[in-house]
Amino acid sequence: GYMIFHLTAQHDHLTCWGVKARREGNSAESQKQLGKWMEGNEKVKVLAAYVNNPAHRIFAIIEANDYNDLNTFTNQFKDAGSCDVQVVGDAIAMRKTAGNWGQ
């Protein structure tokens, strides 16, 4: 089965895709490409995506079956700054599976 990961990606104003797009006139093509990562790909599914724009920080919950797929997916974040990936479990699903939901 798949595993769930929590991703925190951090960059700064010098490597920010959004800053670059804004300086280039906020082209429609740049805007389309900025969030393309949120759509995942055939091997990595993005379940949730959040941004803290002033801090240049991205948070995401992603699913993947294979470390190499996950590693390749995170290259876009590692190229611009740091990227921390933690394996996590779905606590709500665990509580429901245990029969404790609503108890």
N, C-alpha and C. Protein backbone atom coordinates (compact mmCIF):
# COMPACT_ATOMS: atom_id res chain seq x y z
N GLY A 1 0.79 -1.19 0.00
CA GLY A 1 0.00 0.00 0.00
C GLY A 1 0.83 1.26 0.00
N TYR A 2 0.12 2.32 -0.12
CA TYR A 2 0.74 3.64 -0.15
C TYR A 2 1.10 4.09 1.26
N MET A 3 1.95 5.09 1.33
CA MET A 3 2.28 5.74 2.58
C MET A 3 1.92 7.21 2.46
N ILE A 4 1.66 7.84 3.61
CA ILE A 4 1.32 9.26 3.65
C ILE A 4 2.51 10.01 4.23
N PHE A 5 2.80 11.17 3.63
CA PHE A 5 3.92 12.00 4.06
C PHE A 5 3.47 13.43 4.28
N HIS A 6 4.09 14.09 5.25
CA HIS A 6 3.91 15.53 5.46
C HIS A 6 5.15 16.21 4.94
N LEU A 7 4.96 17.13 4.03
CA LEU A 7 6.06 17.83 3.39
C LEU A 7 6.06 19.30 3.83
N THR A 8 7.21 19.79 4.22
CA THR A 8 7.39 21.21 4.49
C THR A 8 8.53 21.67 3.60
N ALA A 9 8.24 22.57 2.68
CA ALA A 9 9.26 23.10 1.78
C ALA A 9 9.47 24.57 2.12
N GLN A 10 10.73 24.97 2.19
CA GLN A 10 11.08 26.33 2.56
C GLN A 10 12.05 26.89 1.52
N HIS A 11 11.77 28.10 1.05
CA HIS A 11 12.71 28.80 0.18
C HIS A 11 12.77 30.25 0.64
N ASP A 12 13.41 31.11 -0.10
CA ASP A 12 13.44 32.52 0.27
C ASP A 12 13.13 33.38 -0.95
N HIS A 13 13.18 34.67 -0.77
CA HIS A 13 12.82 35.59 -1.85
C HIS A 13 13.74 35.48 -3.06
N LEU A 14 14.95 35.00 -2.86
CA LEU A 14 15.89 34.89 -3.97
C LEU A 14 15.61 33.69 -4.88
N THR A 15 14.94 32.66 -4.33
CA THR A 15 14.66 31.46 -5.10
C THR A 15 13.17 31.24 -5.32
N CYS A 16 12.35 32.21 -4.92
CA CYS A 16 10.89 32.06 -4.98
C CYS A 16 10.36 32.13 -6.42
N TRP A 17 9.59 31.12 -6.79
CA TRP A 17 8.97 31.10 -8.12
C TRP A 17 8.00 32.27 -8.28
N GLY A 18 7.26 32.58 -7.21
CA GLY A 18 6.28 33.66 -7.27
C GLY A 18 6.93 35.02 -7.46
N VAL A 19 8.02 35.26 -6.77
CA VAL A 19 8.75 36.52 -6.93
C VAL A 19 9.25 36.64 -8.37
N LYS A 20 9.80 35.57 -8.88
CA LYS A 20 10.30 35.56 -10.26
C LYS A 20 9.17 35.89 -11.25
N ALA A 21 8.00 35.25 -11.05
CA ALA A 21 6.86 35.50 -11.94
C ALA A 21 6.40 36.96 -11.84
N ARG A 22 6.35 37.48 -10.61
CA ARG A 22 5.91 38.87 -10.42
C ARG A 22 6.87 39.83 -11.11
N ARG A 23 8.16 39.57 -10.98
CA ARG A 23 9.16 40.44 -11.61
C ARG A 23 9.11 40.35 -13.13
N GLU A 24 8.62 39.22 -13.63
CA GLU A 24 8.51 39.04 -15.08
C GLU A 24 7.15 39.49 -15.61
N GLY A 25 6.37 40.14 -14.76
CA GLY A 25 5.09 40.69 -15.19
C GLY A 25 3.91 39.78 -14.94
N ASN A 26 4.05 38.77 -14.07
CA ASN A 26 2.93 37.89 -13.72
C ASN A 26 2.26 37.30 -14.95
N SER A 27 3.05 36.77 -15.83
CA SER A 27 2.48 36.20 -17.05
C SER A 27 1.48 35.10 -16.70
N ALA A 28 0.49 34.93 -17.53
CA ALA A 28 -0.53 33.90 -17.32
C ALA A 28 0.12 32.52 -17.27
N GLU A 29 1.13 32.29 -18.09
CA GLU A 29 1.80 31.00 -18.12
C GLU A 29 2.53 30.73 -16.80
N SER A 30 3.17 31.75 -16.25
CA SER A 30 3.86 31.60 -14.96
C SER A 30 2.87 31.23 -13.87
N GLN A 31 1.73 31.90 -13.86
CA GLN A 31 0.72 31.63 -12.84
C GLN A 31 0.21 30.19 -12.94
N LYS A 32 0.03 29.70 -14.15
CA LYS A 32 -0.41 28.31 -14.34
C LYS A 32 0.61 27.34 -13.78
N GLN A 33 1.88 27.61 -14.02
CA GLN A 33 2.94 26.68 -13.64
C GLN A 33 3.25 26.70 -12.15
N LEU A 34 3.03 27.84 -11.48
CA LEU A 34 3.38 27.96 -10.06
C LEU A 34 2.76 26.88 -9.18
N GLY A 35 1.52 26.58 -9.43
CA GLY A 35 0.82 25.62 -8.58
C GLY A 35 0.67 24.24 -9.18
N LYS A 36 1.33 24.00 -10.29
CA LYS A 36 1.20 22.72 -10.98
C LYS A 36 1.54 21.53 -10.08
N TRP A 37 2.48 21.71 -9.16
CA TRP A 37 2.89 20.63 -8.26
C TRP A 37 1.72 20.09 -7.46
N MET A 38 0.71 20.94 -7.17
CA MET A 38 -0.44 20.51 -6.36
C MET A 38 -1.25 19.42 -7.03
N GLU A 39 -1.12 19.30 -8.35
CA GLU A 39 -1.85 18.27 -9.08
C GLU A 39 -1.17 16.91 -9.00
N GLY A 40 0.04 16.88 -8.41
CA GLY A 40 0.77 15.62 -8.29
C GLY A 40 1.10 15.07 -9.66
N ASN A 41 1.24 13.74 -9.71
CA ASN A 41 1.50 13.08 -10.98
C ASN A 41 0.97 11.65 -10.90
N GLU A 42 1.33 10.81 -11.84
CA GLU A 42 0.79 9.44 -11.85
C GLU A 42 1.32 8.60 -10.69
N LYS A 43 2.37 9.06 -10.02
CA LYS A 43 2.98 8.27 -8.95
C LYS A 43 2.86 8.91 -7.57
N VAL A 44 2.60 10.21 -7.53
CA VAL A 44 2.50 10.94 -6.27
C VAL A 44 1.19 11.72 -6.27
N LYS A 45 0.38 11.52 -5.22
CA LYS A 45 -0.90 12.21 -5.11
C LYS A 45 -0.82 13.23 -3.98
N VAL A 46 -1.18 14.47 -4.28
CA VAL A 46 -1.22 15.53 -3.28
C VAL A 46 -2.62 15.55 -2.68
N LEU A 47 -2.72 15.25 -1.38
CA LEU A 47 -4.02 15.20 -0.70
C LEU A 47 -4.44 16.56 -0.16
N ALA A 48 -3.46 17.36 0.24
CA ALA A 48 -3.74 18.70 0.78
C ALA A 48 -2.52 19.57 0.52
N ALA A 49 -2.76 20.84 0.25
CA ALA A 49 -1.67 21.77 -0.01
C ALA A 49 -2.00 23.12 0.62
N TYR A 50 -1.05 23.63 1.39
CA TYR A 50 -1.22 24.91 2.07
C TYR A 50 0.04 25.73 1.87
N VAL A 51 -0.11 27.04 1.83
CA VAL A 51 1.05 27.90 1.68
C VAL A 51 1.02 29.00 2.73
N ASN A 52 2.20 29.41 3.14
CA ASN A 52 2.39 30.60 3.95
C ASN A 52 3.25 31.50 3.09
N ASN A 53 2.60 32.30 2.25
CA ASN A 53 3.32 33.09 1.26
C ASN A 53 4.34 34.06 1.88
N PRO A 54 3.99 34.83 2.94
CA PRO A 54 4.99 35.75 3.49
C PRO A 54 6.25 35.04 4.01
N ALA A 55 6.10 33.80 4.47
CA ALA A 55 7.24 33.04 4.98
C ALA A 55 7.92 32.20 3.90
N HIS A 56 7.38 32.21 2.68
CA HIS A 56 7.92 31.39 1.58
C HIS A 56 7.97 29.91 1.98
N ARG A 57 6.86 29.43 2.56
CA ARG A 57 6.80 28.06 3.07
C ARG A 57 5.58 27.34 2.51
N ILE A 58 5.78 26.09 2.13
CA ILE A 58 4.72 25.24 1.59
C ILE A 58 4.56 24.03 2.50
N PHE A 59 3.30 23.66 2.77
CA PHE A 59 2.98 22.45 3.52
C PHE A 59 2.10 21.59 2.64
N ALA A 60 2.33 20.30 2.65
CA ALA A 60 1.48 19.41 1.85
C ALA A 60 1.39 18.04 2.51
N ILE A 61 0.28 17.38 2.28
CA ILE A 61 0.11 15.98 2.66
C ILE A 61 0.06 15.22 1.34
N ILE A 62 0.96 14.26 1.18
CA ILE A 62 1.05 13.54 -0.08
C ILE A 62 1.08 12.04 0.14
N GLU A 63 0.65 11.31 -0.88
CA GLU A 63 0.68 9.85 -0.89
C GLU A 63 1.68 9.39 -1.94
N ALA A 64 2.43 8.36 -1.59
CA ALA A 64 3.34 7.76 -2.56
C ALA A 64 3.57 6.31 -2.16
N ASN A 65 3.88 5.48 -3.13
CA ASN A 65 4.18 4.07 -2.88
C ASN A 65 5.66 3.80 -2.82
N ASP A 66 6.46 4.71 -3.39
CA ASP A 66 7.86 4.42 -3.60
C ASP A 66 8.71 5.63 -3.22
N TYR A 67 9.78 5.38 -2.48
CA TYR A 67 10.68 6.47 -2.06
C TYR A 67 11.25 7.22 -3.25
N ASN A 68 11.64 6.52 -4.29
CA ASN A 68 12.24 7.18 -5.45
C ASN A 68 11.25 8.12 -6.13
N ASP A 69 9.97 7.74 -6.18
CA ASP A 69 8.95 8.62 -6.74
C ASP A 69 8.81 9.89 -5.90
N LEU A 70 8.80 9.70 -4.59
CA LEU A 70 8.69 10.83 -3.67
C LEU A 70 9.91 11.74 -3.79
N ASN A 71 11.09 11.14 -3.85
CA ASN A 71 12.32 11.91 -3.95
C ASN A 71 12.35 12.73 -5.24
N THR A 72 11.94 12.14 -6.34
CA THR A 72 11.90 12.86 -7.62
C THR A 72 10.89 14.00 -7.56
N PHE A 73 9.72 13.75 -6.97
CA PHE A 73 8.68 14.78 -6.84
C PHE A 73 9.19 15.99 -6.05
N THR A 74 10.01 15.75 -5.03
CA THR A 74 10.47 16.85 -4.19
C THR A 74 11.64 17.63 -4.77
N ASN A 75 12.19 17.20 -5.91
CA ASN A 75 13.32 17.93 -6.51
C ASN A 75 12.98 19.40 -6.74
N GLN A 76 11.75 19.67 -7.16
CA GLN A 76 11.35 21.05 -7.44
C GLN A 76 11.45 21.93 -6.20
N PHE A 77 11.23 21.35 -5.03
CA PHE A 77 11.34 22.12 -3.78
C PHE A 77 12.79 22.19 -3.31
N LYS A 78 13.50 21.09 -3.44
CA LYS A 78 14.91 21.04 -3.02
C LYS A 78 15.76 21.98 -3.88
N ASP A 79 15.38 22.17 -5.13
CA ASP A 79 16.13 23.07 -6.02
C ASP A 79 16.00 24.53 -5.58
N ALA A 80 14.93 24.87 -4.86
CA ALA A 80 14.70 26.26 -4.46
C ALA A 80 15.03 26.51 -2.99
N GLY A 81 15.19 25.46 -2.20
CA GLY A 81 15.45 25.64 -0.76
C GLY A 81 15.47 24.29 -0.07
N SER A 82 14.99 24.26 1.16
CA SER A 82 14.98 23.02 1.92
C SER A 82 13.63 22.32 1.79
N CYS A 83 13.65 21.03 2.04
CA CYS A 83 12.42 20.24 1.95
C CYS A 83 12.49 19.15 3.01
N ASP A 84 11.58 19.21 3.97
CA ASP A 84 11.51 18.22 5.03
C ASP A 84 10.31 17.32 4.77
N VAL A 85 10.54 16.01 4.77
CA VAL A 85 9.47 15.04 4.52
C VAL A 85 9.41 14.08 5.70
N GLN A 86 8.23 13.95 6.28
CA GLN A 86 8.02 13.05 7.41
C GLN A 86 6.93 12.04 7.06
N VAL A 87 7.16 10.78 7.40
CA VAL A 87 6.11 9.77 7.25
C VAL A 87 5.09 10.04 8.35
N VAL A 88 3.81 10.03 8.00
CA VAL A 88 2.76 10.26 8.99
C VAL A 88 1.64 9.24 8.82
N GLY A 89 0.84 9.10 9.85
CA GLY A 89 -0.33 8.22 9.82
C GLY A 89 -1.60 9.04 9.88
N ASP A 90 -2.67 8.50 9.36
CA ASP A 90 -3.97 9.16 9.37
C ASP A 90 -4.66 8.84 10.70
N ALA A 91 -4.53 9.74 11.66
CA ALA A 91 -5.05 9.50 13.00
C ALA A 91 -6.57 9.39 13.03
N ILE A 92 -7.27 10.13 12.19
CA ILE A 92 -8.73 10.04 12.15
C ILE A 92 -9.14 8.66 11.66
N ALA A 93 -8.50 8.19 10.60
CA ALA A 93 -8.80 6.84 10.09
C ALA A 93 -8.50 5.78 11.15
N MET A 94 -7.40 5.95 11.88
CA MET A 94 -7.05 4.98 12.93
C MET A 94 -8.11 4.95 14.02
N ARG A 95 -8.60 6.13 14.41
CA ARG A 95 -9.63 6.18 15.46
C ARG A 95 -10.93 5.53 14.98
N LYS A 96 -11.29 5.78 13.72
CA LYS A 96 -12.50 5.18 13.17
C LYS A 96 -12.35 3.66 13.06
N THR A 97 -11.19 3.19 12.59
CA THR A 97 -10.93 1.75 12.46
C THR A 97 -11.00 1.06 13.81
N ALA A 98 -10.56 1.74 14.85
CA ALA A 98 -10.57 1.17 16.21
C ALA A 98 -11.98 1.16 16.81
N GLY A 99 -12.93 1.81 16.12
CA GLY A 99 -14.30 1.86 16.63
C GLY A 99 -14.53 2.91 17.70
N ASN A 100 -13.59 3.85 17.82
CA ASN A 100 -13.68 4.86 18.87
C ASN A 100 -14.30 6.18 18.40
N TRP A 101 -14.57 6.30 17.12
CA TRP A 101 -15.13 7.56 16.59
C TRP A 101 -16.51 7.77 17.18
N GLY A 102 -16.71 8.95 17.73
CA GLY A 102 -18.02 9.28 18.31
C GLY A 102 -18.25 8.69 19.69
N GLN A 103 -17.29 8.02 20.24
CA GLN A 103 -17.44 7.38 21.56
C GLN A 103 -17.05 8.33 22.67
